[in-house]
Amino acid sequence: MDVSSQKRLAAKILKVGISRVRVKNTKEVAEAITRSDIKRLIEKGYIYVVQKKGTTRIHANIIRKQKKKGRRRGAGSKKGSISSKWTEKVRPLRRMLKELKEENKIDKKNYRKLYLMVKGGFFRNKGHLLYYLKEQGILKGKRMK
């Protein structure tokens, strides 16, 4: 029995695609002609809609659990070149040093020394740089953020 026209009508009524419409009793559905007939069959349950297939999150969840354990951190998982990572780390440190020099919180001699230390990768981040400045007593006055 061809129920393609009934499926098309049902799809319009249910506001879904034709491929999502399913039919249980084809004989009764084939007899339906009008929209009201189709609506009656939908109420009876002879015509119904299949749920959309979504994207599974199971693989993403597994990976997240592994990362939480510290896995997936090998050389093959690293994104970006070593030089690009170095650049990302160095730029804010140099910007901070420049600000400190312009605010006269550090002198030229210390600025040059610290600049070279930043270049050499001595400081992990801006917090580490500030900690070093306070420990060594290089910072003049208070640093306001």
Protein backbone atom coordinates (compact mmCIF):
# COMPACT_ATOMS: atom_id res chain seq x y z
CA MET A 1 0.00 0.00 0.00
CA ASP A 2 1.33 3.41 -0.97
CA VAL A 3 0.96 5.86 1.91
CA SER A 4 3.40 8.49 0.64
CA SER A 5 0.73 11.18 0.18
CA GLN A 6 -0.63 10.49 3.70
CA LYS A 7 2.91 10.69 5.09
CA ARG A 8 3.41 14.00 3.29
CA LEU A 9 0.16 15.39 4.73
CA ALA A 10 1.05 14.12 8.21
CA ALA A 11 4.50 15.71 7.94
CA LYS A 12 2.90 19.06 7.16
CA ILE A 13 0.42 18.72 10.05
CA LEU A 14 3.11 17.63 12.53
CA LYS A 15 5.61 20.21 11.19
CA VAL A 16 8.39 17.65 10.65
CA GLY A 17 10.18 16.14 7.66
CA ILE A 18 8.61 13.27 5.73
CA SER A 19 11.43 10.89 6.71
CA ARG A 20 10.52 11.28 10.41
CA VAL A 21 6.88 10.23 9.91
CA ARG A 22 6.15 6.54 10.60
CA VAL A 23 2.99 4.55 9.90
CA LYS A 24 1.76 1.52 11.91
CA ASN A 25 -1.41 0.26 10.21
CA THR A 26 -0.97 0.90 6.47
CA LYS A 27 -4.45 -0.33 5.46
CA GLU A 28 -6.28 2.21 7.63
CA VAL A 29 -3.84 4.99 6.79
CA ALA A 30 -4.18 4.35 3.04
CA GLU A 31 -7.93 5.04 3.31
CA ALA A 32 -7.34 8.48 4.87
CA ILE A 33 -7.80 11.30 2.38
CA THR A 34 -8.40 14.57 4.23
CA ARG A 35 -6.35 16.44 6.82
CA SER A 36 -8.97 15.65 9.45
CA ASP A 37 -8.60 11.92 8.68
CA ILE A 38 -4.83 12.20 9.15
CA LYS A 39 -5.28 14.14 12.43
CA ARG A 40 -7.63 11.39 13.70
CA LEU A 41 -5.02 8.73 12.84
CA ILE A 42 -2.32 10.74 14.62
CA GLU A 43 -4.51 10.86 17.75
CA LYS A 44 -5.09 7.08 17.53
CA GLY A 45 -1.34 6.52 17.21
CA TYR A 46 -1.31 4.96 13.73
CA ILE A 47 0.85 7.83 12.50
CA TYR A 48 3.67 9.02 14.74
CA VAL A 49 6.94 10.96 14.65
CA VAL A 50 10.36 9.41 15.23
CA GLN A 51 12.66 11.43 17.47
CA LYS A 52 15.56 13.22 15.80
CA LYS A 53 18.97 11.62 16.11
CA GLY A 54 21.27 13.87 18.09
CA THR A 55 25.04 14.01 18.36
CA THR A 56 26.35 11.64 21.00
CA ARG A 57 28.41 13.10 23.85
CA ILE A 58 29.75 9.76 25.08
CA HIS A 59 33.13 10.07 23.33
CA ALA A 60 33.57 13.66 24.51
CA ASN A 61 32.76 12.59 28.07
CA ILE A 62 35.29 9.74 27.93
CA ILE A 63 38.00 12.11 26.70
CA ARG A 64 37.11 14.64 29.42
CA LYS A 65 37.48 11.94 32.10
CA GLN A 66 40.85 10.90 30.67
CA LYS A 67 42.08 14.50 30.63
CA LYS A 68 40.96 14.87 34.25
CA LYS A 69 43.21 11.91 35.09
CA GLY A 70 46.12 13.62 33.30
CA ARG A 71 46.07 11.53 30.13
CA ARG A 72 46.36 12.91 26.58
CA ARG A 73 49.21 15.26 27.41
CA GLY A 74 51.92 13.71 25.25
CA ALA A 75 53.91 15.32 22.46
CA GLY A 76 51.32 14.30 19.88
CA SER A 77 48.55 16.17 21.72
CA LYS A 78 50.34 19.52 21.86
CA LYS A 79 48.80 22.28 19.76
CA GLY A 80 51.04 24.96 18.30
CA SER A 81 54.79 25.12 17.87
CA ILE A 82 57.19 25.67 20.76
CA SER A 83 58.05 29.12 19.43
CA SER A 84 54.39 30.16 19.25
CA LYS A 85 53.87 29.03 22.86
CA TRP A 86 56.97 30.97 23.91
CA THR A 87 55.63 34.06 22.11
CA GLU A 88 52.26 33.73 23.87
CA LYS A 89 54.04 33.63 27.24
CA VAL A 90 56.60 36.36 26.56
CA ARG A 91 54.34 39.09 25.12
CA PRO A 92 52.35 39.85 28.29
CA LEU A 93 55.51 39.69 30.41
CA ARG A 94 57.28 42.21 28.16
CA ARG A 95 54.19 44.43 28.15
CA MET A 96 54.18 44.37 31.95
CA LEU A 97 57.89 45.19 32.14
CA LYS A 98 57.36 48.11 29.76
CA GLU A 99 54.50 49.45 31.92
CA LEU A 100 56.64 49.15 35.06
CA LYS A 101 59.49 51.02 33.36
CA GLU A 102 57.17 53.80 32.13
CA GLU A 103 55.68 54.16 35.63
CA ASN A 104 59.26 54.39 37.01
CA LYS A 105 58.71 51.36 39.23
CA ILE A 106 61.93 49.77 37.90
CA ASP A 107 65.09 51.43 36.59
CA LYS A 108 66.69 50.86 33.17
CA LYS A 109 69.37 48.54 34.49
CA ASN A 110 66.88 46.19 36.17
CA TYR A 111 64.55 46.47 33.18
CA ARG A 112 67.28 45.19 30.86
CA LYS A 113 68.20 42.37 33.28
CA LEU A 114 64.55 41.30 33.68
CA TYR A 115 63.91 41.60 29.92
CA LEU A 116 66.68 39.09 29.26
CA MET A 117 65.36 36.81 32.02
CA VAL A 118 61.93 36.89 30.37
CA LYS A 119 63.56 36.06 27.04
CA GLY A 120 65.34 33.12 28.65
CA GLY A 121 62.04 31.73 29.99
CA PHE A 122 62.80 32.28 33.68
CA PHE A 123 59.28 33.50 34.53
CA ARG A 124 56.24 31.25 34.22
CA ASN A 125 53.71 34.08 34.14
CA LYS A 126 53.02 37.66 35.26
CA GLY A 127 52.33 36.54 38.82
CA HIS A 128 55.71 34.83 38.99
CA LEU A 129 57.40 37.99 37.68
CA LEU A 130 55.69 40.16 40.33
CA TYR A 131 56.63 37.66 43.03
CA TYR A 132 60.27 37.79 41.92
CA LEU A 133 60.27 41.61 41.90
CA LYS A 134 58.90 41.75 45.45
CA GLU A 135 61.27 39.06 46.73
CA GLN A 136 64.32 40.83 45.28
CA GLY A 137 63.12 44.26 46.41
CA ILE A 138 63.37 45.62 42.87
CA LEU A 139 59.83 47.02 42.75
CA LYS A 140 59.60 50.66 43.86
CA GLY A 141 56.30 51.73 45.45
CA LYS A 142 53.10 49.73 45.18
CA ARG A 143 51.91 47.99 42.03
CA MET A 144 48.24 48.73 41.37
CA LYS A 145 46.30 46.52 38.98
